[in-house]
Amino acid sequence: MLFRSGVQHRLFADCEGLDGGEREPLGAKSRNKTRRDDSRNRQGPRTASFTKHVRRKHNSSEREILWATTPDTRSREYHVRNLYPRLLYTFSDVIVFVMKNPRVIETVIEQLITWAEAALQTSSNQPVLPHAIIVLNACENGTDPALWEVDFSTTALLDSVQRAVHQNHKLRSHAEFWRQLGRPIETIQDLLLSYYTSVRVVRVPVTGRPKLINEQLQRLYTEI
């Protein structure tokens, strides 16, 4: 979140989720095409002083990732799993995770916790934990009307997997880590709140109900 002249601004950063493939994103394609076009159009080689001038002009810089020394660590998937958490988790006020199938929520919670843990382990300064919003996208139009309300939807989804903290091996190990630090962990919500300030669930319907879609998107924006 940015502030300028007394006005509040929100900065949104999109990413590939938790599993990045090797397909080049549209933004990278556009950037690389611009660079190729610039290279063909300019006269003569670009000097070091010219490069520094361009960086200062655009208030940007490029840094080499020193630990990316092998094919695995240079891959997009590795960066999504290991670099994104350090940046987005550490510097975000709110993290929004979009999913379509509520039946895999236990796996999603595993990923969110693993993602957060990776960031906390490598962060030297994490003053405030981010908020988490799970968006259940393309929900059936016949969904129980009560589930369109954020409070009810959040309670229902977390209650559906509350015992996983005792039954799921990965989640049980995370819970045990916090118990050893003196923090009681009995439910999934207890565990999630060890990594996030709050957890909310917003459902968005599949196509066919534009009024409801707009209402749910407004709810999502309000939560953010």
Protein backbone atom coordinates (compact mmCIF):
# COMPACT_ATOMS: atom_id res chain seq x y z
CA MET A 1 0.00 0.00 0.00
CA LEU A 2 1.39 3.37 -1.02
CA PHE A 3 0.73 6.85 0.35
CA ARG A 4 1.28 10.08 -1.53
CA SER A 5 0.14 13.59 -0.63
CA GLY A 6 -2.38 12.27 1.84
CA VAL A 7 -3.95 9.95 -0.75
CA GLN A 8 -3.94 6.21 -0.21
CA HIS A 9 -2.90 4.04 -3.16
CA ARG A 10 -2.95 0.26 -3.50
CA LEU A 11 -0.20 -1.50 -5.37
CA PHE A 12 -1.23 -4.88 -6.81
CA ALA A 13 1.40 -7.44 -7.81
CA ASP A 14 0.35 -10.48 -9.82
CA CYS A 15 2.35 -13.70 -9.87
CA GLU A 16 2.13 -17.25 -11.18
CA GLY A 17 0.88 -18.81 -7.99
CA LEU A 18 2.96 -21.45 -6.24
CA ASP A 19 3.97 -23.57 -9.24
CA GLY A 20 5.63 -21.66 -12.03
CA GLY A 21 6.17 -23.41 -15.34
CA GLU A 22 8.75 -22.65 -17.97
CA ARG A 23 6.36 -20.80 -20.28
CA GLU A 24 7.43 -17.19 -20.66
CA PRO A 25 4.87 -14.75 -19.18
CA LEU A 26 3.30 -12.11 -21.45
CA GLY A 27 5.07 -9.30 -19.59
CA ALA A 28 8.47 -10.91 -20.15
CA LYS A 29 7.67 -11.51 -23.83
CA SER A 30 6.76 -7.85 -24.28
CA ARG A 31 9.88 -6.66 -22.44
CA ASN A 32 12.19 -8.93 -24.43
CA LYS A 33 10.60 -7.88 -27.71
CA THR A 34 11.13 -4.22 -26.82
CA ARG A 35 14.76 -4.92 -26.01
CA ARG A 36 15.28 -6.71 -29.33
CA ASP A 37 13.63 -3.85 -31.21
CA ASP A 38 15.77 -1.30 -29.39
CA SER A 39 18.89 -3.33 -30.14
CA ARG A 40 18.10 -3.39 -33.88
CA ASN A 41 17.25 0.30 -34.03
CA ARG A 42 20.12 1.82 -32.12
CA GLN A 43 23.39 2.73 -33.81
CA GLY A 44 26.50 1.07 -32.41
CA PRO A 45 26.98 -0.83 -29.14
CA ARG A 46 25.44 0.43 -25.90
CA THR A 47 28.06 1.81 -23.54
CA ALA A 48 28.16 1.29 -19.78
CA SER A 49 27.49 4.98 -19.16
CA PHE A 50 24.42 4.86 -21.43
CA THR A 51 23.06 1.86 -19.53
CA LYS A 52 23.49 3.66 -16.21
CA HIS A 53 21.74 6.72 -17.66
CA VAL A 54 18.73 4.64 -18.72
CA ARG A 55 18.51 2.98 -15.30
CA ARG A 56 18.55 6.34 -13.53
CA LYS A 57 15.93 7.72 -15.91
CA HIS A 58 13.51 4.89 -15.18
CA ASN A 59 14.38 4.59 -11.47
CA SER A 60 15.15 0.92 -11.94
CA SER A 61 18.06 -1.46 -11.83
CA GLU A 62 18.87 -5.05 -12.58
CA ARG A 63 20.70 -7.34 -10.19
CA GLU A 64 22.15 -10.73 -10.91
CA ILE A 65 20.81 -13.51 -8.68
CA LEU A 66 24.09 -14.85 -7.36
CA TRP A 67 22.68 -18.14 -6.06
CA ALA A 68 21.20 -19.07 -9.47
CA THR A 69 24.22 -21.10 -10.56
CA THR A 70 22.67 -24.37 -11.77
CA PRO A 71 19.98 -25.24 -14.35
CA ASP A 72 17.59 -26.04 -11.50
CA THR A 73 18.11 -22.77 -9.63
CA ARG A 74 17.81 -20.80 -12.88
CA SER A 75 14.44 -22.33 -13.74
CA ARG A 76 11.22 -20.33 -13.45
CA GLU A 77 9.67 -22.98 -11.18
CA TYR A 78 12.54 -22.70 -8.70
CA HIS A 79 12.23 -18.91 -8.61
CA VAL A 80 8.48 -19.08 -8.07
CA ARG A 81 8.90 -21.52 -5.19
CA ASN A 82 11.92 -19.89 -3.56
CA LEU A 83 12.21 -16.24 -4.63
CA TYR A 84 8.56 -15.16 -4.75
CA PRO A 85 7.93 -16.01 -1.08
CA ARG A 86 10.86 -13.88 0.06
CA LEU A 87 9.54 -10.88 -1.87
CA LEU A 88 5.75 -11.07 -1.97
CA TYR A 89 5.16 -12.51 1.50
CA THR A 90 7.64 -10.15 3.15
CA PHE A 91 6.44 -6.95 1.47
CA SER A 92 2.70 -7.61 1.05
CA ASP A 93 -0.10 -6.42 3.31
CA VAL A 94 -2.52 -8.93 1.78
CA ILE A 95 -1.94 -12.16 -0.14
CA VAL A 96 -4.80 -13.38 -2.34
CA PHE A 97 -4.76 -17.02 -3.43
CA VAL A 98 -7.23 -17.96 -6.16
CA MET A 99 -8.40 -21.55 -6.56
CA LYS A 100 -11.29 -23.33 -8.27
CA ASN A 101 -11.78 -26.62 -6.47
CA PRO A 102 -12.67 -26.38 -2.76
CA ARG A 103 -12.09 -30.14 -2.42
CA VAL A 104 -8.33 -29.55 -2.60
CA ILE A 105 -8.35 -26.87 0.10
CA GLU A 106 -6.17 -29.01 2.36
CA THR A 107 -3.44 -29.06 -0.30
CA VAL A 108 -3.79 -25.30 -0.79
CA ILE A 109 -3.39 -24.71 2.95
CA GLU A 110 -0.25 -26.87 2.88
CA GLN A 111 1.12 -24.69 0.08
CA LEU A 112 0.23 -21.42 1.79
CA ILE A 113 1.95 -22.51 5.00
CA THR A 114 5.03 -23.88 3.20
CA TRP A 115 5.23 -20.64 1.18
CA ALA A 116 4.99 -18.53 4.33
CA GLU A 117 7.48 -20.65 6.24
CA ALA A 118 10.04 -20.33 3.43
CA ALA A 119 9.71 -16.56 3.59
CA LEU A 120 9.94 -16.36 7.39
CA GLN A 121 13.03 -18.56 7.47
CA THR A 122 14.88 -16.33 4.99
CA SER A 123 13.57 -12.95 6.14
CA SER A 124 15.65 -10.91 8.55
CA ASN A 125 12.82 -8.49 9.32
CA GLN A 126 9.11 -9.45 9.29
CA PRO A 127 7.43 -6.86 11.53
CA VAL A 128 3.82 -7.65 10.55
CA LEU A 129 2.33 -10.85 9.14
CA PRO A 130 0.25 -10.36 5.97
CA HIS A 131 -3.45 -11.09 5.73
CA ALA A 132 -4.55 -14.02 3.57
CA ILE A 133 -7.63 -14.19 1.35
CA ILE A 134 -8.59 -17.45 -0.33
CA VAL A 135 -10.78 -16.86 -3.38
CA LEU A 136 -12.94 -19.79 -4.47
CA ASN A 137 -13.42 -18.92 -8.13
CA ALA A 138 -16.11 -20.20 -10.53
CA CYS A 139 -18.36 -21.56 -7.77
CA GLU A 140 -21.59 -23.20 -8.92
CA ASN A 141 -24.58 -20.88 -9.13
CA GLY A 142 -26.54 -23.35 -7.00
CA THR A 143 -24.20 -22.81 -4.04
CA ASP A 144 -25.90 -22.32 -0.66
CA PRO A 145 -26.79 -18.57 -0.61
CA ALA A 146 -25.28 -18.24 2.89
CA LEU A 147 -21.86 -19.14 1.47
CA TRP A 148 -21.69 -15.92 -0.53
CA GLU A 149 -21.26 -14.13 2.79
CA VAL A 150 -17.57 -13.89 3.66
CA ASP A 151 -17.90 -14.68 7.39
CA PHE A 152 -20.01 -17.78 6.83
CA SER A 153 -17.88 -18.96 3.89
CA THR A 154 -14.68 -18.58 5.91
CA THR A 155 -16.06 -20.53 8.88
CA ALA A 156 -17.51 -23.27 6.68
CA LEU A 157 -14.33 -23.84 4.69
CA LEU A 158 -11.98 -23.88 7.68
CA ASP A 159 -14.34 -26.09 9.69
CA SER A 160 -14.35 -28.61 6.84
CA VAL A 161 -10.62 -29.25 7.33
CA GLN A 162 -10.13 -28.32 10.98
CA ARG A 163 -8.95 -31.81 12.02
CA ALA A 164 -6.33 -31.95 9.25
CA VAL A 165 -3.88 -30.37 11.67
CA HIS A 166 -3.85 -33.71 13.50
CA GLN A 167 -4.27 -36.05 10.52
CA ASN A 168 -2.14 -34.51 7.75
CA HIS A 169 1.55 -35.36 8.23
CA LYS A 170 2.92 -32.07 6.86
CA LEU A 171 0.46 -29.90 8.74
CA ARG A 172 1.01 -31.92 11.93
CA SER A 173 4.75 -31.25 11.74
CA HIS A 174 4.15 -27.51 11.32
CA ALA A 175 1.77 -27.55 14.28
CA GLU A 176 4.30 -29.41 16.42
CA PHE A 177 6.92 -26.77 15.62
CA TRP A 178 4.69 -24.06 17.09
CA ARG A 179 3.66 -26.19 20.07
CA GLN A 180 7.32 -26.54 21.01
CA LEU A 181 7.49 -22.74 21.03
CA GLY A 182 4.57 -22.65 23.46
CA ARG A 183 1.82 -21.78 20.99
CA PRO A 184 -1.28 -24.04 21.23
CA ILE A 185 -2.35 -25.36 17.82
CA GLU A 186 -5.61 -27.34 17.76
CA THR A 187 -7.24 -26.33 14.45
CA ILE A 188 -6.26 -25.34 10.93
CA GLN A 189 -7.19 -21.77 11.77
CA ASP A 190 -4.79 -21.78 14.73
CA LEU A 191 -2.02 -22.93 12.40
CA LEU A 192 -2.80 -20.44 9.64
CA LEU A 193 -2.87 -17.59 12.13
CA SER A 194 0.72 -18.45 13.05
CA TYR A 195 1.71 -17.28 9.57
CA TYR A 196 -1.01 -14.78 8.64
CA THR A 197 -2.70 -11.97 10.58
CA SER A 198 -6.12 -13.11 9.36
CA VAL A 199 -7.62 -15.60 6.90
CA ARG A 200 -10.75 -14.87 4.87
CA VAL A 201 -12.61 -16.81 2.18
CA VAL A 202 -14.49 -15.13 -0.68
CA ARG A 203 -16.52 -17.08 -3.24
CA VAL A 204 -16.99 -15.86 -6.81
CA PRO A 205 -19.67 -17.54 -8.98
CA VAL A 206 -19.27 -19.02 -12.42
CA THR A 207 -20.63 -17.06 -15.40
CA GLY A 208 -24.36 -16.46 -15.74
CA ARG A 209 -25.01 -14.25 -12.71
CA PRO A 210 -23.40 -10.88 -13.46
CA LYS A 211 -25.07 -9.11 -10.53
CA LEU A 212 -23.79 -11.70 -8.05
CA ILE A 213 -20.33 -11.68 -9.65
CA ASN A 214 -20.16 -7.91 -9.19
CA GLU A 215 -21.33 -8.19 -5.58
CA GLN A 216 -18.70 -10.81 -4.78
CA LEU A 217 -15.91 -8.85 -6.46
CA GLN A 218 -16.94 -5.84 -4.37
CA ARG A 219 -16.73 -8.05 -1.27
CA LEU A 220 -13.26 -9.17 -2.33
CA TYR A 221 -12.10 -5.60 -2.85
CA THR A 222 -13.54 -4.62 0.53
CA GLU A 223 -11.64 -7.46 2.20
CA ILE A 224 -8.39 -6.36 0.51
